Amino acid sequence: LRKVLLLTDGLANHGITDHDTLVDMARTTAEEGVGTTTIGFGEGFDEELLTDMADAGQGNSYYVASPEDAPGVFAQEFEDLSTLVAQNVSVEIRPSEEVKLLGVLNEYPATSVQGGIQLNLGDAYGEDLRRIVFELHIPQLARLGLAKVADVVVRYVTVGDEVAAKEITIPVNINMVNADEASSADPDQQVIEEVMILKAARAQKEARGRADTGDFGGAQELLRKAAQELRAAAPNSARAQELLQDADLMEGSADMAAPDQWTSHHSKNLHFNQRMRHQGRQRRPKRDEN
């Protein structure tokens, strides 16, 4: 298992400096079996370039505000290498003929393929939990009962004693019911929470763009509204602590989104946080070994 860890505190200003060329280099290296993780240090680096290189290189991307944060990043990367279970993981969403894919809420590198879209998730680790949220438009059908609305195709390469490409096709089936039955059904709380978290990440991204261009009022409004929605959902959620932590972060960012407060540090911090949320990556709690 091989991985490049790129640590930088500046811009690409020597040798190859073109954004797309550097991203293509990371992609080519990943195809040869070497991933790329990027670490931005300080406030002078190009975060868009580093995250694009990490996505293309099937690695991770981090923001290190101070030298004290660096050991934690390296420890996380080494832990990932020791718990790697699959490489080149992709998820392809193929809606059925009558169904239309409206969009994917996560932000993974995406490629249009015949009949659907393919998302590149990079590598998978033993304690990883990934959630992909997509929206389908299902037309009114004459028939009721069980119906397949899409296929989800998961592809990956195994690691260890056997290195082999694997493919799993998972049918997405729903129970078609009449309007009265549909209106009385309880929504899936886990889906609602994940949609809320991903929409909050989208609000972070938009707020960062507004603050960076001087629209601080607009940025504050987006962040505070998202924080309020997360707090409102927390009391009845199994993920209450996570929702409240996200709300605290957004309210803190809203306080900083002011002409005399906003810096590149706040902008970068918001960028990397929303990226992590958009990719729906979580660590499962480790089992108690005692």
C-alpha atoms as a PDB file:
ATOM      1  CA  LEU A   1       0.000   0.000   0.000  1.00  0.00           C
ATOM      2  CA  ARG A   2       1.463   3.325  -1.065  1.00  0.00           C
ATOM      3  CA  LYS A   3       0.339   6.896  -0.554  1.00  0.00           C
ATOM      4  CA  VAL A   4       1.778  10.357  -1.182  1.00  0.00           C
ATOM      5  CA  LEU A   5       1.232  12.927   1.591  1.00  0.00           C
ATOM      6  CA  LEU A   6       1.585  16.422   0.141  1.00  0.00           C
ATOM      7  CA  LEU A   7       2.150  19.083   2.801  1.00  0.00           C
ATOM      8  CA  THR A   8       2.292  22.694   1.627  1.00  0.00           C
ATOM      9  CA  ASP A   9       2.010  26.190   3.041  1.00  0.00           C
ATOM     10  CA  GLY A  10       1.849  28.048  -0.259  1.00  0.00           C
ATOM     11  CA  LEU A  11       0.730  28.131  -3.895  1.00  0.00           C
ATOM     12  CA  ALA A  12       1.946  26.174  -6.913  1.00  0.00           C
ATOM     13  CA  ASN A  13       4.487  28.724  -8.173  1.00  0.00           C
ATOM     14  CA  HIS A  14       7.455  26.615  -9.299  1.00  0.00           C
ATOM     15  CA  GLY A  15       7.696  23.875 -11.923  1.00  0.00           C
ATOM     16  CA  ILE A  16       4.252  22.611 -12.947  1.00  0.00           C
ATOM     17  CA  THR A  17       1.738  25.177 -11.726  1.00  0.00           C
ATOM     18  CA  ASP A  18      -1.362  24.558 -13.863  1.00  0.00           C
ATOM     19  CA  HIS A  19      -4.344  23.477 -11.751  1.00  0.00           C
ATOM     20  CA  ASP A  20      -5.731  20.877 -14.167  1.00  0.00           C
ATOM     21  CA  THR A  21      -2.299  19.393 -14.899  1.00  0.00           C
ATOM     22  CA  LEU A  22      -1.588  18.872 -11.201  1.00  0.00           C
ATOM     23  CA  VAL A  23      -5.008  17.278 -10.682  1.00  0.00           C
ATOM     24  CA  ASP A  24      -4.416  14.958 -13.657  1.00  0.00           C
ATOM     25  CA  MET A  25      -1.055  13.949 -12.180  1.00  0.00           C
ATOM     26  CA  ALA A  26      -2.771  12.917  -8.937  1.00  0.00           C
ATOM     27  CA  ARG A  27      -5.382  10.977 -10.932  1.00  0.00           C
ATOM     28  CA  THR A  28      -2.712   9.151 -12.968  1.00  0.00           C
ATOM     29  CA  THR A  29      -0.760   8.304  -9.827  1.00  0.00           C
ATOM     30  CA  ALA A  30      -3.924   6.858  -8.239  1.00  0.00           C
ATOM     31  CA  GLU A  31      -4.507   4.688 -11.320  1.00  0.00           C
ATOM     32  CA  GLU A  32      -1.017   3.303 -10.763  1.00  0.00           C
ATOM     33  CA  GLY A  33      -1.919   2.331  -7.201  1.00  0.00           C
ATOM     34  CA  VAL A  34      -0.544   5.330  -5.288  1.00  0.00           C
ATOM     35  CA  GLY A  35      -3.066   7.589  -3.549  1.00  0.00           C
ATOM     36  CA  THR A  36      -2.576  11.281  -2.806  1.00  0.00           C
ATOM     37  CA  THR A  37      -3.555  12.988   0.444  1.00  0.00           C
ATOM     38  CA  THR A  38      -3.068  16.752   0.680  1.00  0.00           C
ATOM     39  CA  ILE A  39      -2.438  18.856   3.780  1.00  0.00           C
ATOM     40  CA  GLY A  40      -2.678  22.631   3.675  1.00  0.00           C
ATOM     41  CA  PHE A  41      -0.701  24.456   6.364  1.00  0.00           C
ATOM     42  CA  GLY A  42      -1.228  28.085   7.385  1.00  0.00           C
ATOM     43  CA  GLU A  43      -3.314  30.540   5.379  1.00  0.00           C
ATOM     44  CA  GLY A  44      -1.440  30.963   2.092  1.00  0.00           C
ATOM     45  CA  PHE A  45      -2.268  27.749   0.220  1.00  0.00           C
ATOM     46  CA  ASP A  46      -4.803  27.087  -2.556  1.00  0.00           C
ATOM     47  CA  GLU A  47      -7.488  24.955  -0.884  1.00  0.00           C
ATOM     48  CA  GLU A  48      -9.412  24.371  -4.119  1.00  0.00           C
ATOM     49  CA  LEU A  49      -6.328  22.863  -5.753  1.00  0.00           C
ATOM     50  CA  LEU A  50      -5.530  20.661  -2.767  1.00  0.00           C
ATOM     51  CA  THR A  51      -9.042  19.260  -2.426  1.00  0.00           C
ATOM     52  CA  ASP A  52      -9.273  18.644  -6.187  1.00  0.00           C
ATOM     53  CA  MET A  53      -5.953  16.791  -6.119  1.00  0.00           C
ATOM     54  CA  ALA A  54      -7.096  14.690  -3.155  1.00  0.00           C
ATOM     55  CA  ASP A  55     -10.365  13.809  -4.901  1.00  0.00           C
ATOM     56  CA  ALA A  56      -8.542  12.835  -8.098  1.00  0.00           C
ATOM     57  CA  GLY A  57      -5.898  10.972  -6.112  1.00  0.00           C
ATOM     58  CA  GLN A  58      -8.501   9.046  -4.077  1.00  0.00           C
ATOM     59  CA  GLY A  59      -7.103  10.424  -0.851  1.00  0.00           C
ATOM     60  CA  ASN A  60      -8.084  12.836   1.888  1.00  0.00           C
ATOM     61  CA  SER A  61      -7.569  16.561   2.279  1.00  0.00           C
ATOM     62  CA  TYR A  62      -6.858  18.414   5.513  1.00  0.00           C
ATOM     63  CA  TYR A  63      -6.435  21.944   6.799  1.00  0.00           C
ATOM     64  CA  VAL A  64      -3.749  22.305   9.464  1.00  0.00           C
ATOM     65  CA  ALA A  65      -4.036  25.724  11.091  1.00  0.00           C
ATOM     66  CA  SER A  66      -1.009  25.263  13.374  1.00  0.00           C
ATOM     67  CA  PRO A  67       1.953  22.869  13.731  1.00  0.00           C
ATOM     68  CA  GLU A  68       0.276  21.293  16.778  1.00  0.00           C
ATOM     69  CA  ASP A  69      -2.452  19.867  14.516  1.00  0.00           C
ATOM     70  CA  ALA A  70      -0.097  18.056  12.130  1.00  0.00           C
ATOM     71  CA  PRO A  71       0.666  14.925  14.224  1.00  0.00           C
ATOM     72  CA  GLY A  72      -3.041  14.133  14.433  1.00  0.00           C
ATOM     73  CA  VAL A  73      -3.364  14.223  10.649  1.00  0.00           C
ATOM     74  CA  PHE A  74      -0.396  11.898  10.132  1.00  0.00           C
ATOM     75  CA  ALA A  75      -1.736   9.541  12.805  1.00  0.00           C
ATOM     76  CA  GLN A  76      -5.104   9.439  11.046  1.00  0.00           C
ATOM     77  CA  GLU A  77      -3.500   8.664   7.688  1.00  0.00           C
ATOM     78  CA  PHE A  78      -1.372   5.865   9.117  1.00  0.00           C
ATOM     79  CA  GLU A  79      -4.411   4.434  10.885  1.00  0.00           C
ATOM     80  CA  ASP A  80      -6.316   4.534   7.593  1.00  0.00           C
ATOM     81  CA  LEU A  81      -3.556   2.604   5.838  1.00  0.00           C
ATOM     82  CA  SER A  82      -3.602  -0.055   8.552  1.00  0.00           C
ATOM     83  CA  THR A  83      -7.402  -0.508   8.289  1.00  0.00           C
ATOM     84  CA  LEU A  84      -7.763  -0.253   4.507  1.00  0.00           C
ATOM     85  CA  VAL A  85     -10.355  -2.756   3.257  1.00  0.00           C
ATOM     86  CA  ALA A  86     -10.980  -1.638  -0.342  1.00  0.00           C
ATOM     87  CA  GLN A  87      -9.603   0.713  -2.979  1.00  0.00           C
ATOM     88  CA  ASN A  88     -11.094   2.531  -5.969  1.00  0.00           C
ATOM     89  CA  VAL A  89     -14.593   2.382  -4.509  1.00  0.00           C
ATOM     90  CA  SER A  90     -17.286   3.734  -6.803  1.00  0.00           C
ATOM     91  CA  VAL A  91     -21.069   3.875  -6.635  1.00  0.00           C
ATOM     92  CA  GLU A  92     -23.110   3.951  -9.835  1.00  0.00           C
ATOM     93  CA  ILE A  93     -26.761   5.002  -9.677  1.00  0.00           C
ATOM     94  CA  ARG A  94     -28.921   3.697 -12.516  1.00  0.00           C
ATOM     95  CA  PRO A  95     -32.559   4.807 -12.404  1.00  0.00           C
ATOM     96  CA  SER A  96     -35.161   2.604 -14.095  1.00  0.00           C
ATOM     97  CA  GLU A  97     -36.548   3.572 -17.478  1.00  0.00           C
ATOM     98  CA  GLU A  98     -39.538   5.543 -16.154  1.00  0.00           C
ATOM     99  CA  VAL A  99     -37.593   7.144 -13.282  1.00  0.00           C
ATOM    100  CA  LYS A 100     -35.417  10.268 -13.423  1.00  0.00           C
ATOM    101  CA  LEU A 101     -32.378  10.985 -11.255  1.00  0.00           C
ATOM    102  CA  LEU A 102     -32.808  14.563 -10.003  1.00  0.00           C
ATOM    103  CA  GLY A 103     -29.493  14.856  -8.221  1.00  0.00           C
ATOM    104  CA  VAL A 104     -27.024  13.689  -5.578  1.00  0.00           C
ATOM    105  CA  LEU A 105     -26.678  15.718  -2.399  1.00  0.00           C
ATOM    106  CA  ASN A 106     -23.133  14.535  -1.680  1.00  0.00           C
ATOM    107  CA  GLU A 107     -20.142  16.078  -3.438  1.00  0.00           C
ATOM    108  CA  TYR A 108     -18.003  13.255  -4.755  1.00  0.00           C
ATOM    109  CA  PRO A 109     -16.227  13.365  -8.128  1.00  0.00           C
ATOM    110  CA  ALA A 110     -18.989  12.327 -10.540  1.00  0.00           C
ATOM    111  CA  THR A 111     -18.974  10.985 -14.092  1.00  0.00           C
ATOM    112  CA  SER A 112     -21.991  10.600 -16.340  1.00  0.00           C
ATOM    113  CA  VAL A 113     -22.332   7.024 -17.592  1.00  0.00           C
ATOM    114  CA  GLN A 114     -24.870   5.372 -19.817  1.00  0.00           C
ATOM    115  CA  GLY A 115     -28.117   5.228 -17.905  1.00  0.00           C
ATOM    116  CA  GLY A 116     -26.917   7.041 -14.794  1.00  0.00           C
ATOM    117  CA  ILE A 117     -24.065   8.588 -12.857  1.00  0.00           C
ATOM    118  CA  GLN A 118     -20.951   7.178 -11.191  1.00  0.00           C
ATOM    119  CA  LEU A 119     -19.485   8.594  -7.972  1.00  0.00           C
ATOM    120  CA  ASN A 120     -15.844   8.028  -7.043  1.00  0.00           C
ATOM    121  CA  LEU A 121     -15.553   7.463  -3.273  1.00  0.00           C
ATOM    122  CA  GLY A 122     -11.838   6.654  -3.162  1.00  0.00           C
ATOM    123  CA  ASP A 123     -10.635   4.166  -0.544  1.00  0.00           C
ATOM    124  CA  ALA A 124     -12.676   2.510   2.213  1.00  0.00           C
ATOM    125  CA  TYR A 125     -11.498   1.781   5.747  1.00  0.00           C
ATOM    126  CA  GLY A 126     -12.558  -0.624   8.451  1.00  0.00           C
ATOM    127  CA  GLU A 127     -14.304   1.970  10.633  1.00  0.00           C
ATOM    128  CA  ASP A 128     -15.713   4.046   7.764  1.00  0.00           C
ATOM    129  CA  LEU A 129     -19.404   4.707   7.337  1.00  0.00           C
ATOM    130  CA  ARG A 130     -20.426   6.391   4.079  1.00  0.00           C
ATOM    131  CA  ARG A 131     -23.892   7.683   3.293  1.00  0.00           C
ATOM    132  CA  ILE A 132     -24.929   8.593  -0.251  1.00  0.00           C
ATOM    133  CA  VAL A 133     -28.168  10.565  -0.651  1.00  0.00           C
ATOM    134  CA  PHE A 134     -29.790  10.915  -4.064  1.00  0.00           C
ATOM    135  CA  GLU A 135     -33.183  12.109  -5.227  1.00  0.00           C
ATOM    136  CA  LEU A 136     -35.390  10.358  -7.760  1.00  0.00           C
ATOM    137  CA  HIS A 137     -38.499  11.534  -9.544  1.00  0.00           C
ATOM    138  CA  ILE A 138     -40.927   8.623  -9.699  1.00  0.00           C
ATOM    139  CA  PRO A 139     -43.873   9.211 -12.048  1.00  0.00           C
ATOM    140  CA  GLN A 140     -47.401   8.213 -11.177  1.00  0.00           C
ATOM    141  CA  LEU A 141     -47.648   4.599 -12.249  1.00  0.00           C
ATOM    142  CA  ALA A 142     -50.833   2.702 -13.013  1.00  0.00           C
ATOM    143  CA  ARG A 143     -49.703  -0.339 -11.078  1.00  0.00           C
ATOM    144  CA  LEU A 144     -49.433  -0.647  -7.302  1.00  0.00           C
ATOM    145  CA  GLY A 145     -47.213  -2.935  -5.275  1.00  0.00           C
ATOM    146  CA  LEU A 146     -43.496  -3.610  -5.331  1.00  0.00           C
ATOM    147  CA  ALA A 147     -41.552  -1.826  -8.083  1.00  0.00           C
ATOM    148  CA  LYS A 148     -37.849  -1.417  -8.839  1.00  0.00           C
ATOM    149  CA  VAL A 149     -36.938   2.240  -9.339  1.00  0.00           C
ATOM    150  CA  ALA A 150     -33.139   2.000  -9.634  1.00  0.00           C
ATOM    151  CA  ASP A 151     -30.041  -0.134  -9.350  1.00  0.00           C
ATOM    152  CA  VAL A 152     -27.053   0.898  -7.241  1.00  0.00           C
ATOM    153  CA  VAL A 153     -23.830  -0.705  -8.463  1.00  0.00           C
ATOM    154  CA  VAL A 154     -20.893  -0.753  -6.026  1.00  0.00           C
ATOM    155  CA  ARG A 155     -17.447  -1.488  -7.456  1.00  0.00           C
ATOM    156  CA  TYR A 156     -14.188  -1.818  -5.569  1.00  0.00           C
ATOM    157  CA  VAL A 157     -10.802  -3.520  -5.528  1.00  0.00           C
ATOM    158  CA  THR A 158     -10.003  -5.785  -2.603  1.00  0.00           C
ATOM    159  CA  VAL A 159      -6.701  -5.570  -0.726  1.00  0.00           C
ATOM    160  CA  GLY A 160      -4.680  -8.151   1.168  1.00  0.00           C
ATOM    161  CA  ASP A 161      -3.899 -11.680   0.044  1.00  0.00           C
ATOM    162  CA  GLU A 162      -6.229 -11.410  -2.959  1.00  0.00           C
ATOM    163  CA  VAL A 163      -6.357  -8.282  -5.096  1.00  0.00           C
ATOM    164  CA  ALA A 164      -9.435  -8.470  -7.277  1.00  0.00           C
ATOM    165  CA  ALA A 165     -12.096  -6.209  -8.760  1.00  0.00           C
ATOM    166  CA  LYS A 166     -15.542  -6.773  -7.275  1.00  0.00           C
ATOM    167  CA  GLU A 167     -18.999  -5.591  -8.291  1.00  0.00           C
ATOM    168  CA  ILE A 168     -22.265  -5.688  -6.327  1.00  0.00           C
ATOM    169  CA  THR A 169     -25.622  -4.639  -7.772  1.00  0.00           C
ATOM    170  CA  ILE A 170     -28.247  -3.582  -5.250  1.00  0.00           C
ATOM    171  CA  PRO A 171     -31.817  -3.090  -6.520  1.00  0.00           C
ATOM    172  CA  VAL A 172     -33.753  -0.152  -5.071  1.00  0.00           C
ATOM    173  CA  ASN A 173     -37.327  -1.328  -4.588  1.00  0.00           C
ATOM    174  CA  ILE A 174     -40.301   0.639  -3.289  1.00  0.00           C
ATOM    175  CA  ASN A 175     -43.855  -0.279  -2.460  1.00  0.00           C
ATOM    176  CA  MET A 176     -46.185   1.717  -4.710  1.00  0.00           C
ATOM    177  CA  VAL A 177     -49.301   2.707  -2.729  1.00  0.00           C
ATOM    178  CA  ASN A 178     -52.199   5.088  -3.204  1.00  0.00           C
ATOM    179  CA  ALA A 179     -52.050   8.718  -2.115  1.00  0.00           C
ATOM    180  CA  ASP A 180     -53.867   8.182   1.187  1.00  0.00           C
ATOM    181  CA  GLU A 181     -51.477   5.437   2.280  1.00  0.00           C
ATOM    182  CA  ALA A 182     -48.469   7.492   1.211  1.00  0.00           C
ATOM    183  CA  SER A 183     -49.579  10.565   3.180  1.00  0.00           C
ATOM    184  CA  SER A 184     -50.076   8.509   6.363  1.00  0.00           C
ATOM    185  CA  ALA A 185     -46.688   6.768   6.221  1.00  0.00           C
ATOM    186  CA  ASP A 186     -43.986   7.861   8.674  1.00  0.00           C
ATOM    187  CA  PRO A 187     -40.895   9.331   6.986  1.00  0.00           C
ATOM    188  CA  ASP A 188     -37.522   7.688   7.548  1.00  0.00           C
ATOM    189  CA  GLN A 189     -35.865   9.745  10.290  1.00  0.00           C
ATOM    190  CA  GLN A 190     -32.325   8.694   9.305  1.00  0.00           C
ATOM    191  CA  VAL A 191     -32.870   9.938   5.753  1.00  0.00           C
ATOM    192  CA  ILE A 192     -34.346  13.217   7.000  1.00  0.00           C
ATOM    193  CA  GLU A 193     -31.349  13.804   9.274  1.00  0.00           C
ATOM    194  CA  GLU A 194     -28.810  13.039   6.556  1.00  0.00           C
ATOM    195  CA  VAL A 195     -30.579  15.335   4.091  1.00  0.00           C
ATOM    196  CA  MET A 196     -30.560  18.086   6.720  1.00  0.00           C
ATOM    197  CA  ILE A 197     -26.826  17.647   7.362  1.00  0.00           C
ATOM    198  CA  LEU A 198     -26.014  17.713   3.638  1.00  0.00           C
ATOM    199  CA  LYS A 199     -28.182  20.787   3.069  1.00  0.00           C
ATOM    200  CA  ALA A 200     -26.427  22.478   5.980  1.00  0.00           C
ATOM    201  CA  ALA A 201     -23.100  21.667   4.296  1.00  0.00           C
ATOM    202  CA  ARG A 202     -24.428  23.249   1.122  1.00  0.00           C
ATOM    203  CA  ALA A 203     -25.351  26.345   3.144  1.00  0.00           C
ATOM    204  CA  GLN A 204     -21.790  26.442   4.510  1.00  0.00           C
ATOM    205  CA  LYS A 205     -20.382  26.356   1.002  1.00  0.00           C
ATOM    206  CA  GLU A 206     -22.644  29.147  -0.218  1.00  0.00           C
ATOM    207  CA  ALA A 207     -22.022  31.222   2.914  1.00  0.00           C
ATOM    208  CA  ARG A 208     -18.263  30.930   2.448  1.00  0.00           C
ATOM    209  CA  GLY A 209     -18.585  32.188  -1.112  1.00  0.00           C
ATOM    210  CA  ARG A 210     -20.679  35.132   0.032  1.00  0.00           C
ATOM    211  CA  ALA A 211     -18.334  36.078   2.865  1.00  0.00           C
ATOM    212  CA  ASP A 212     -15.298  35.857   0.569  1.00  0.00           C
ATOM    213  CA  THR A 213     -16.981  38.358  -1.788  1.00  0.00           C
ATOM    214  CA  GLY A 214     -18.049  40.729   1.002  1.00  0.00           C
ATOM    215  CA  ASP A 215     -21.705  39.704   1.380  1.00  0.00           C
ATOM    216  CA  PHE A 216     -21.412  39.141   5.116  1.00  0.00           C
ATOM    217  CA  GLY A 217     -25.099  39.701   5.841  1.00  0.00           C
ATOM    218  CA  GLY A 218     -26.084  37.006   3.362  1.00  0.00           C
ATOM    219  CA  ALA A 219     -23.475  34.618   4.790  1.00  0.00           C
ATOM    220  CA  GLN A 220     -24.692  35.148   8.347  1.00  0.00           C
ATOM    221  CA  GLU A 221     -28.316  34.601   7.366  1.00  0.00           C
ATOM    222  CA  LEU A 222     -27.532  31.277   5.641  1.00  0.00           C
ATOM    223  CA  LEU A 223     -25.437  29.961   8.529  1.00  0.00           C
ATOM    224  CA  ARG A 224     -27.852  30.965  11.282  1.00  0.00           C
ATOM    225  CA  LYS A 225     -30.854  29.541   9.460  1.00  0.00           C
ATOM    226  CA  ALA A 226     -29.075  26.210   8.980  1.00  0.00           C
ATOM    227  CA  ALA A 227     -28.017  26.200  12.645  1.00  0.00           C
ATOM    228  CA  GLN A 228     -31.609  26.802  13.764  1.00  0.00           C
ATOM    229  CA  GLU A 229     -32.884  23.902  11.659  1.00  0.00           C
ATOM    230  CA  LEU A 230     -30.244  21.561  13.079  1.00  0.00           C
ATOM    231  CA  ARG A 231     -31.068  22.596  16.662  1.00  0.00           C
ATOM    232  CA  ALA A 232     -34.785  22.127  16.046  1.00  0.00           C
ATOM    233  CA  ALA A 233     -34.213  18.570  14.828  1.00  0.00           C
ATOM    234  CA  ALA A 234     -31.767  17.546  17.575  1.00  0.00           C
ATOM    235  CA  PRO A 235     -34.155  16.749  20.486  1.00  0.00           C
ATOM    236  CA  ASN A 236     -35.810  13.862  18.611  1.00  0.00           C
ATOM    237  CA  SER A 237     -32.684  12.590  16.873  1.00  0.00           C
ATOM    238  CA  ALA A 238     -30.379   9.679  17.642  1.00  0.00           C
ATOM    239  CA  ARG A 239     -27.622  11.915  16.239  1.00  0.00           C
ATOM    240  CA  ALA A 240     -28.471  14.828  18.534  1.00  0.00           C
ATOM    241  CA  GLN A 241     -24.881  15.471  19.643  1.00  0.00           C
ATOM    242  CA  GLU A 242     -23.667  15.581  16.044  1.00  0.00           C
ATOM    243  CA  LEU A 243     -26.445  17.958  14.990  1.00  0.00           C
ATOM    244  CA  LEU A 244     -25.771  20.279  17.927  1.00  0.00           C
ATOM    245  CA  GLN A 245     -22.032  20.293  17.218  1.00  0.00           C
ATOM    246  CA  ASP A 246     -22.727  21.263  13.609  1.00  0.00           C
ATOM    247  CA  ALA A 247     -25.092  23.994  14.799  1.00  0.00           C
ATOM    248  CA  ASP A 248     -22.429  25.364  17.168  1.00  0.00           C
ATOM    249  CA  LEU A 249     -19.877  25.426  14.340  1.00  0.00           C
ATOM    250  CA  MET A 250     -22.265  27.290  12.052  1.00  0.00           C
ATOM    251  CA  GLU A 251     -23.165  29.847  14.686  1.00  0.00           C
ATOM    252  CA  GLY A 252     -19.467  30.393  15.391  1.00  0.00           C
ATOM    253  CA  SER A 253     -18.820  30.863  11.666  1.00  0.00           C
ATOM    254  CA  ALA A 254     -21.744  33.308  11.463  1.00  0.00           C
ATOM    255  CA  ASP A 255     -20.186  35.381  14.260  1.00  0.00           C
ATOM    256  CA  MET A 256     -16.915  35.485  12.320  1.00  0.00           C
ATOM    257  CA  ALA A 257     -18.623  36.418   9.022  1.00  0.00           C
ATOM    258  CA  ALA A 258     -18.163  40.144   9.571  1.00  0.00           C
ATOM    259  CA  PRO A 259     -15.919  42.721   7.873  1.00  0.00           C
ATOM    260  CA  ASP A 260     -13.653  43.096  10.913  1.00  0.00           C
ATOM    261  CA  GLN A 261     -13.509  39.357  11.703  1.00  0.00           C
ATOM    262  CA  TRP A 262     -13.435  37.281   8.499  1.00  0.00           C
ATOM    263  CA  THR A 263     -10.003  35.950   7.503  1.00  0.00           C
ATOM    264  CA  SER A 264      -8.613  33.295   5.188  1.00  0.00           C
ATOM    265  CA  HIS A 265      -8.393  31.008   8.228  1.00  0.00           C
ATOM    266  CA  HIS A 266     -12.187  31.136   8.696  1.00  0.00           C
ATOM    267  CA  SER A 267     -12.742  30.667   4.957  1.00  0.00           C
ATOM    268  CA  LYS A 268     -10.481  27.619   4.784  1.00  0.00           C
ATOM    269  CA  ASN A 269     -11.946  26.098   7.932  1.00  0.00           C
ATOM    270  CA  LEU A 270     -15.464  26.379   6.521  1.00  0.00           C
ATOM    271  CA  HIS A 271     -14.332  24.943   3.171  1.00  0.00           C
ATOM    272  CA  PHE A 272     -12.816  21.797   4.658  1.00  0.00           C
ATOM    273  CA  ASN A 273     -15.655  21.271   7.108  1.00  0.00           C
ATOM    274  CA  GLN A 274     -18.371  21.440   4.449  1.00  0.00           C
ATOM    275  CA  ARG A 275     -16.335  19.161   2.189  1.00  0.00           C
ATOM    276  CA  MET A 276     -16.170  16.489   4.881  1.00  0.00           C
ATOM    277  CA  ARG A 277     -19.913  16.802   5.473  1.00  0.00           C
ATOM    278  CA  HIS A 278     -20.750  16.734   1.765  1.00  0.00           C
ATOM    279  CA  GLN A 279     -18.922  13.441   1.420  1.00  0.00           C
ATOM    280  CA  GLY A 280     -20.974  11.873   4.194  1.00  0.00           C
ATOM    281  CA  ARG A 281     -17.952  10.233   5.808  1.00  0.00           C
ATOM    282  CA  GLN A 282     -18.136   9.169   9.429  1.00  0.00           C
ATOM    283  CA  ARG A 283     -16.166   6.942  11.745  1.00  0.00           C
ATOM    284  CA  ARG A 284     -18.092   4.155  13.409  1.00  0.00           C
ATOM    285  CA  PRO A 285     -17.557   4.096  17.184  1.00  0.00           C
ATOM    286  CA  LYS A 286     -14.821   1.618  18.016  1.00  0.00           C
ATOM    287  CA  ARG A 287     -15.899  -1.506  19.839  1.00  0.00           C
ATOM    288  CA  ASP A 288     -15.006  -1.798  23.506  1.00  0.00           C
ATOM    289  CA  GLU A 289     -12.268  -4.417  23.669  1.00  0.00           C
ATOM    290  CA  ASN A 290     -12.451  -4.841  27.461  1.00  0.00           C
END
